[in-house]
All heavy atoms as atom14 arrays in JSON, in Angstrom:
{
  "sequence": "QPRDVVARLQDAGERRIRDMDESGIDHQVLALTA",
  "atom14_mask": [
    [1, 1, 1, 1, 1, 1, 1, 1, 1, 0, 0, 0, 0, 0],
    [1, 1, 1, 1, 1, 1, 1, 0, 0, 0, 0, 0, 0, 0],
    [1, 1, 1, 1, 1, 1, 1, 1, 1, 1, 1, 0, 0, 0],
    [1, 1, 1, 1, 1, 1, 1, 1, 0, 0, 0, 0, 0, 0],
    [1, 1, 1, 1, 1, 1, 1, 0, 0, 0, 0, 0, 0, 0],
    [1, 1, 1, 1, 1, 1, 1, 0, 0, 0, 0, 0, 0, 0],
    [1, 1, 1, 1, 1, 0, 0, 0, 0, 0, 0, 0, 0, 0],
    [1, 1, 1, 1, 1, 1, 1, 1, 1, 1, 1, 0, 0, 0],
    [1, 1, 1, 1, 1, 1, 1, 1, 0, 0, 0, 0, 0, 0],
    [1, 1, 1, 1, 1, 1, 1, 1, 1, 0, 0, 0, 0, 0],
    [1, 1, 1, 1, 1, 1, 1, 1, 0, 0, 0, 0, 0, 0],
    [1, 1, 1, 1, 1, 0, 0, 0, 0, 0, 0, 0, 0, 0],
    [1, 1, 1, 1, 0, 0, 0, 0, 0, 0, 0, 0, 0, 0],
    [1, 1, 1, 1, 1, 1, 1, 1, 1, 0, 0, 0, 0, 0],
    [1, 1, 1, 1, 1, 1, 1, 1, 1, 1, 1, 0, 0, 0],
    [1, 1, 1, 1, 1, 1, 1, 1, 1, 1, 1, 0, 0, 0],
    [1, 1, 1, 1, 1, 1, 1, 1, 0, 0, 0, 0, 0, 0],
    [1, 1, 1, 1, 1, 1, 1, 1, 1, 1, 1, 0, 0, 0],
    [1, 1, 1, 1, 1, 1, 1, 1, 0, 0, 0, 0, 0, 0],
    [1, 1, 1, 1, 1, 1, 1, 1, 0, 0, 0, 0, 0, 0],
    [1, 1, 1, 1, 1, 1, 1, 1, 0, 0, 0, 0, 0, 0],
    [1, 1, 1, 1, 1, 1, 1, 1, 1, 0, 0, 0, 0, 0],
    [1, 1, 1, 1, 1, 1, 0, 0, 0, 0, 0, 0, 0, 0],
    [1, 1, 1, 1, 0, 0, 0, 0, 0, 0, 0, 0, 0, 0],
    [1, 1, 1, 1, 1, 1, 1, 1, 0, 0, 0, 0, 0, 0],
    [1, 1, 1, 1, 1, 1, 1, 1, 0, 0, 0, 0, 0, 0],
    [1, 1, 1, 1, 1, 1, 1, 1, 1, 1, 0, 0, 0, 0],
    [1, 1, 1, 1, 1, 1, 1, 1, 1, 0, 0, 0, 0, 0],
    [1, 1, 1, 1, 1, 1, 1, 0, 0, 0, 0, 0, 0, 0],
    [1, 1, 1, 1, 1, 1, 1, 1, 0, 0, 0, 0, 0, 0],
    [1, 1, 1, 1, 1, 0, 0, 0, 0, 0, 0, 0, 0, 0],
    [1, 1, 1, 1, 1, 1, 1, 1, 0, 0, 0, 0, 0, 0],
    [1, 1, 1, 1, 1, 1, 1, 0, 0, 0, 0, 0, 0, 0],
    [1, 1, 1, 1, 1, 0, 0, 0, 0, 0, 0, 0, 0, 0]
  ],
  "atom14_positions": [
    [[26.47, 7.1, 5.4], [25.5, 6.28, 4.7], [24.86, 5.22, 5.59], [23.63, 5.16, 5.68], [26.15, 5.66, 3.46], [26.4, 6.68, 2.35], [27.02, 6.07, 1.12], [27.91, 5.22, 1.2], [26.55, 6.49, -0.04], [0.0, 0.0, 0.0], [0.0, 0.0, 0.0], [0.0, 0.0, 0.0], [0.0, 0.0, 0.0], [0.0, 0.0, 0.0]],
    [[25.62, 4.37, 6.29], [24.94, 3.42, 7.18], [24.19, 4.09, 8.31], [23.12, 3.61, 8.73], [26.08, 2.54, 7.7], [27.33, 3.29, 7.44], [27.07, 4.1, 6.21], [0.0, 0.0, 0.0], [0.0, 0.0, 0.0], [0.0, 0.0, 0.0], [0.0, 0.0, 0.0], [0.0, 0.0, 0.0], [0.0, 0.0, 0.0], [0.0, 0.0, 0.0]],
    [[24.69, 5.19, 8.8], [23.98, 5.91, 9.86], [22.63, 6.41, 9.37], [21.63, 6.37, 10.09], [24.84, 7.07, 10.39], [26.08, 6.61, 11.16], [27.0, 7.77, 11.48], [26.4, 8.67, 12.44], [26.51, 8.54, 13.76], [27.2, 7.52, 14.26], [25.96, 9.4, 14.57], [0.0, 0.0, 0.0], [0.0, 0.0, 0.0], [0.0, 0.0, 0.0]],
    [[22.6, 6.87, 8.12], [21.36, 7.35, 7.53], [20.37, 6.2, 7.34], [19.17, 6.34, 7.59], [21.64, 8.02, 6.19], [20.39, 8.62, 5.58], [19.9, 9.62, 6.11], [19.9, 8.08, 4.57], [0.0, 0.0, 0.0], [0.0, 0.0, 0.0], [0.0, 0.0, 0.0], [0.0, 0.0, 0.0], [0.0, 0.0, 0.0], [0.0, 0.0, 0.0]],
    [[20.87, 5.05, 6.9], [20.01, 3.87, 6.74], [19.38, 3.49, 8.07], [18.17, 3.24, 8.16], [20.81, 2.68, 6.16], [20.02, 1.38, 6.29], [21.15, 2.93, 4.7], [0.0, 0.0, 0.0], [0.0, 0.0, 0.0], [0.0, 0.0, 0.0], [0.0, 0.0, 0.0], [0.0, 0.0, 0.0], [0.0, 0.0, 0.0], [0.0, 0.0, 0.0]],
    [[20.17, 3.43, 9.13], [19.68, 3.04, 10.45], [18.61, 4.01, 10.93], [17.59, 3.61, 11.51], [20.84, 2.93, 11.44], [20.34, 2.81, 12.88], [21.72, 1.72, 11.09], [0.0, 0.0, 0.0], [0.0, 0.0, 0.0], [0.0, 0.0, 0.0], [0.0, 0.0, 0.0], [0.0, 0.0, 0.0], [0.0, 0.0, 0.0], [0.0, 0.0, 0.0]],
    [[18.8, 5.3, 10.7], [17.8, 6.29, 11.11], [16.5, 6.09, 10.35], [15.41, 6.11, 10.93], [18.34, 7.7, 10.9], [0.0, 0.0, 0.0], [0.0, 0.0, 0.0], [0.0, 0.0, 0.0], [0.0, 0.0, 0.0], [0.0, 0.0, 0.0], [0.0, 0.0, 0.0], [0.0, 0.0, 0.0], [0.0, 0.0, 0.0], [0.0, 0.0, 0.0]],
    [[16.59, 5.9, 9.04], [15.38, 5.72, 8.24], [14.66, 4.42, 8.59], [13.43, 4.36, 8.59], [15.73, 5.73, 6.76], [15.94, 7.12, 6.17], [16.14, 7.06, 4.66], [15.8, 8.32, 4.03], [16.67, 9.3, 3.79], [17.96, 9.14, 4.15], [16.28, 10.43, 3.21], [0.0, 0.0, 0.0], [0.0, 0.0, 0.0], [0.0, 0.0, 0.0]],
    [[15.42, 3.36, 8.87], [14.81, 2.08, 9.21], [13.88, 2.18, 10.41], [12.84, 1.51, 10.45], [15.89, 1.04, 9.51], [16.58, 0.38, 8.34], [17.83, -0.37, 8.81], [15.64, -0.58, 7.63], [0.0, 0.0, 0.0], [0.0, 0.0, 0.0], [0.0, 0.0, 0.0], [0.0, 0.0, 0.0], [0.0, 0.0, 0.0], [0.0, 0.0, 0.0]],
    [[14.22, 3.0, 11.37], [13.47, 3.04, 12.62], [12.26, 3.96, 12.56], [11.51, 4.06, 13.54], [14.4, 3.46, 13.76], [15.5, 2.46, 14.02], [16.49, 2.94, 15.06], [16.27, 2.8, 16.25], [17.59, 3.53, 14.59], [0.0, 0.0, 0.0], [0.0, 0.0, 0.0], [0.0, 0.0, 0.0], [0.0, 0.0, 0.0], [0.0, 0.0, 0.0]],
    [[12.04, 4.62, 11.45], [10.91, 5.54, 11.3], [9.79, 4.85, 10.54], [10.0, 4.34, 9.44], [11.35, 6.8, 10.56], [10.23, 7.83, 10.49], [9.34, 7.66, 9.64], [10.23, 8.77, 11.29], [0.0, 0.0, 0.0], [0.0, 0.0, 0.0], [0.0, 0.0, 0.0], [0.0, 0.0, 0.0], [0.0, 0.0, 0.0], [0.0, 0.0, 0.0]],
    [[8.62, 4.83, 11.11], [7.43, 4.32, 10.42], [6.34, 5.39, 10.44], [5.16, 5.1, 10.64], [6.93, 3.03, 11.07], [0.0, 0.0, 0.0], [0.0, 0.0, 0.0], [0.0, 0.0, 0.0], [0.0, 0.0, 0.0], [0.0, 0.0, 0.0], [0.0, 0.0, 0.0], [0.0, 0.0, 0.0], [0.0, 0.0, 0.0], [0.0, 0.0, 0.0]],
    [[6.78, 6.64, 10.22], [5.85, 7.76, 10.27], [6.19, 8.82, 9.25], [6.36, 8.54, 8.07], [0.0, 0.0, 0.0], [0.0, 0.0, 0.0], [0.0, 0.0, 0.0], [0.0, 0.0, 0.0], [0.0, 0.0, 0.0], [0.0, 0.0, 0.0], [0.0, 0.0, 0.0], [0.0, 0.0, 0.0], [0.0, 0.0, 0.0], [0.0, 0.0, 0.0]],
    [[6.34, 10.05, 9.73], [6.39, 11.19, 8.83], [7.62, 11.21, 7.95], [7.55, 11.58, 6.77], [6.3, 12.49, 9.64], [4.97, 12.66, 10.37], [3.78, 12.49, 9.44], [3.82, 13.03, 8.31], [2.82, 11.8, 9.82], [0.0, 0.0, 0.0], [0.0, 0.0, 0.0], [0.0, 0.0, 0.0], [0.0, 0.0, 0.0], [0.0, 0.0, 0.0]],
    [[8.8, 10.84, 8.47], [9.99, 10.88, 7.62], [9.87, 9.88, 6.48], [10.19, 10.18, 5.33], [11.25, 10.59, 8.44], [12.51, 10.61, 7.57], [13.77, 10.41, 8.37], [14.94, 10.53, 7.51], [16.19, 10.48, 7.94], [16.45, 10.34, 9.23], [17.19, 10.59, 7.09], [0.0, 0.0, 0.0], [0.0, 0.0, 0.0], [0.0, 0.0, 0.0]],
    [[9.4, 8.68, 6.79], [9.24, 7.66, 5.75], [8.21, 8.1, 4.72], [8.42, 7.95, 3.51], [8.81, 6.33, 6.39], [8.72, 5.17, 5.41], [8.32, 3.89, 6.13], [9.35, 3.4, 7.02], [10.15, 2.36, 6.76], [10.01, 1.71, 5.61], [11.06, 1.98, 7.62], [0.0, 0.0, 0.0], [0.0, 0.0, 0.0], [0.0, 0.0, 0.0]],
    [[7.11, 8.67, 5.17], [6.08, 9.14, 4.24], [6.63, 10.25, 3.36], [6.34, 10.31, 2.15], [4.83, 9.58, 5.01], [4.15, 8.34, 5.62], [3.87, 10.34, 4.1], [3.02, 8.67, 6.58], [0.0, 0.0, 0.0], [0.0, 0.0, 0.0], [0.0, 0.0, 0.0], [0.0, 0.0, 0.0], [0.0, 0.0, 0.0], [0.0, 0.0, 0.0]],
    [[7.44, 11.13, 3.93], [8.05, 12.19, 3.13], [8.96, 11.6, 2.04], [8.93, 12.03, 0.89], [8.85, 13.13, 4.05], [9.38, 14.37, 3.35], [9.81, 15.42, 4.37], [10.86, 14.92, 5.26], [10.69, 14.67, 6.56], [9.51, 14.84, 7.12], [11.7, 14.24, 7.3], [0.0, 0.0, 0.0], [0.0, 0.0, 0.0], [0.0, 0.0, 0.0]],
    [[9.74, 10.59, 2.4], [10.57, 9.91, 1.4], [9.71, 9.25, 0.33], [10.04, 9.26, -0.86], [11.45, 8.85, 2.07], [12.59, 9.44, 2.87], [12.91, 10.63, 2.69], [13.17, 8.7, 3.69], [0.0, 0.0, 0.0], [0.0, 0.0, 0.0], [0.0, 0.0, 0.0], [0.0, 0.0, 0.0], [0.0, 0.0, 0.0], [0.0, 0.0, 0.0]],
    [[8.61, 8.64, 0.74], [7.7, 8.01, -0.23], [7.13, 9.05, -1.18], [7.09, 8.83, -2.41], [6.58, 7.28, 0.51], [7.03, 6.05, 1.28], [5.78, 5.45, 2.46], [4.48, 4.92, 1.33], [0.0, 0.0, 0.0], [0.0, 0.0, 0.0], [0.0, 0.0, 0.0], [0.0, 0.0, 0.0], [0.0, 0.0, 0.0], [0.0, 0.0, 0.0]],
    [[6.71, 10.19, -0.64], [6.15, 11.24, -1.5], [7.19, 11.74, -2.49], [6.89, 11.96, -3.67], [5.65, 12.4, -0.64], [4.39, 12.08, 0.13], [3.7, 11.09, -0.22], [4.08, 12.81, 1.1], [0.0, 0.0, 0.0], [0.0, 0.0, 0.0], [0.0, 0.0, 0.0], [0.0, 0.0, 0.0], [0.0, 0.0, 0.0], [0.0, 0.0, 0.0]],
    [[8.42, 11.91, -2.03], [9.46, 12.45, -2.9], [9.89, 11.47, -3.98], [10.4, 11.88, -5.02], [10.66, 12.88, -2.05], [10.36, 14.1, -1.19], [11.5, 14.47, -0.26], [12.51, 13.73, -0.24], [11.37, 15.48, 0.46], [0.0, 0.0, 0.0], [0.0, 0.0, 0.0], [0.0, 0.0, 0.0], [0.0, 0.0, 0.0], [0.0, 0.0, 0.0]],
    [[9.68, 10.17, -3.73], [10.05, 9.17, -4.73], [8.85, 8.58, -5.46], [9.0, 7.69, -6.29], [10.86, 8.04, -4.06], [10.14, 7.47, -3.0], [0.0, 0.0, 0.0], [0.0, 0.0, 0.0], [0.0, 0.0, 0.0], [0.0, 0.0, 0.0], [0.0, 0.0, 0.0], [0.0, 0.0, 0.0], [0.0, 0.0, 0.0], [0.0, 0.0, 0.0]],
    [[7.65, 9.08, -5.16], [6.47, 8.65, -5.88], [5.92, 7.3, -5.47], [5.24, 6.64, -6.26], [0.0, 0.0, 0.0], [0.0, 0.0, 0.0], [0.0, 0.0, 0.0], [0.0, 0.0, 0.0], [0.0, 0.0, 0.0], [0.0, 0.0, 0.0], [0.0, 0.0, 0.0], [0.0, 0.0, 0.0], [0.0, 0.0, 0.0], [0.0, 0.0, 0.0]],
    [[6.2, 6.86, -4.25], [5.69, 5.58, -3.76], [4.4, 5.85, -2.99], [4.38, 6.61, -2.03], [6.72, 4.87, -2.85], [8.02, 4.63, -3.62], [6.15, 3.57, -2.3], [7.86, 3.8, -4.88], [0.0, 0.0, 0.0], [0.0, 0.0, 0.0], [0.0, 0.0, 0.0], [0.0, 0.0, 0.0], [0.0, 0.0, 0.0], [0.0, 0.0, 0.0]],
    [[3.34, 5.18, -3.41], [2.04, 5.4, -2.78], [1.84, 4.58, -1.52], [1.2, 5.02, -0.57], [0.93, 5.06, -3.78], [1.0, 5.92, -5.02], [0.78, 7.14, -4.9], [1.3, 5.39, -6.1], [0.0, 0.0, 0.0], [0.0, 0.0, 0.0], [0.0, 0.0, 0.0], [0.0, 0.0, 0.0], [0.0, 0.0, 0.0], [0.0, 0.0, 0.0]],
    [[2.4, 3.35, -1.5], [2.12, 2.44, -0.4], [3.32, 1.53, -0.21], [3.93, 1.08, -1.19], [0.88, 1.6, -0.72], [0.31, 0.87, 0.46], [-0.6, 1.46, 1.33], [0.49, -0.39, 0.91], [-0.95, 0.58, 2.25], [-0.29, -0.55, 2.03], [0.0, 0.0, 0.0], [0.0, 0.0, 0.0], [0.0, 0.0, 0.0], [0.0, 0.0, 0.0]],
    [[3.68, 1.28, 1.05], [4.76, 0.34, 1.37], [4.21, -0.84, 2.16], [3.37, -0.67, 3.04], [5.84, 1.01, 2.22], [6.78, 1.94, 1.49], [7.97, 2.35, 2.36], [8.01, 2.07, 3.57], [8.93, 3.03, 1.76], [0.0, 0.0, 0.0], [0.0, 0.0, 0.0], [0.0, 0.0, 0.0], [0.0, 0.0, 0.0], [0.0, 0.0, 0.0]],
    [[4.73, -2.03, 1.84], [4.51, -3.21, 2.66], [5.75, -3.35, 3.54], [6.83, -3.69, 3.06], [4.29, -4.47, 1.81], [4.09, -5.69, 2.72], [3.09, -4.29, 0.89], [0.0, 0.0, 0.0], [0.0, 0.0, 0.0], [0.0, 0.0, 0.0], [0.0, 0.0, 0.0], [0.0, 0.0, 0.0], [0.0, 0.0, 0.0], [0.0, 0.0, 0.0]],
    [[5.6, -3.06, 4.83], [6.72, -3.0, 5.76], [7.01, -4.38, 6.35], [6.1, -5.18, 6.56], [6.39, -2.05, 6.91], [5.96, -0.63, 6.54], [5.57, 0.14, 7.8], [7.07, 0.09, 5.81], [0.0, 0.0, 0.0], [0.0, 0.0, 0.0], [0.0, 0.0, 0.0], [0.0, 0.0, 0.0], [0.0, 0.0, 0.0], [0.0, 0.0, 0.0]],
    [[8.28, -4.63, 6.65], [8.66, -5.88, 7.3], [9.94, -5.67, 8.1], [10.8, -4.87, 7.72], [8.86, -6.99, 6.27], [0.0, 0.0, 0.0], [0.0, 0.0, 0.0], [0.0, 0.0, 0.0], [0.0, 0.0, 0.0], [0.0, 0.0, 0.0], [0.0, 0.0, 0.0], [0.0, 0.0, 0.0], [0.0, 0.0, 0.0], [0.0, 0.0, 0.0]],
    [[10.07, -6.43, 9.18], [11.24, -6.33, 10.04], [12.5, -6.69, 9.27], [12.59, -7.74, 8.63], [11.07, -7.27, 11.24], [12.17, -7.21, 12.29], [12.21, -5.85, 12.98], [11.98, -8.32, 13.33], [0.0, 0.0, 0.0], [0.0, 0.0, 0.0], [0.0, 0.0, 0.0], [0.0, 0.0, 0.0], [0.0, 0.0, 0.0], [0.0, 0.0, 0.0]],
    [[13.5, -5.82, 9.35], [14.71, -5.99, 8.57], [15.58, -7.14, 9.08], [15.46, -7.58, 10.24], [15.52, -4.68, 8.57], [16.52, -4.74, 7.55], [16.18, -4.44, 9.92], [0.0, 0.0, 0.0], [0.0, 0.0, 0.0], [0.0, 0.0, 0.0], [0.0, 0.0, 0.0], [0.0, 0.0, 0.0], [0.0, 0.0, 0.0], [0.0, 0.0, 0.0]],
    [[16.45, -7.62, 8.23], [17.4, -8.68, 8.57], [18.42, -8.16, 9.59], [18.77, -6.98, 9.57], [18.11, -9.17, 7.32], [0.0, 0.0, 0.0], [0.0, 0.0, 0.0], [0.0, 0.0, 0.0], [0.0, 0.0, 0.0], [0.0, 0.0, 0.0], [0.0, 0.0, 0.0], [0.0, 0.0, 0.0], [0.0, 0.0, 0.0], [0.0, 0.0, 0.0]]
  ]
}
């Protein structure tokens, strides 16, 4: 689970967009994580 979070955090392209499409999110406001 934490390994998956870390991988997703570092993607600002196709994988993130695929997750957005699958969850019905049209737009994200991105920000540097804590």
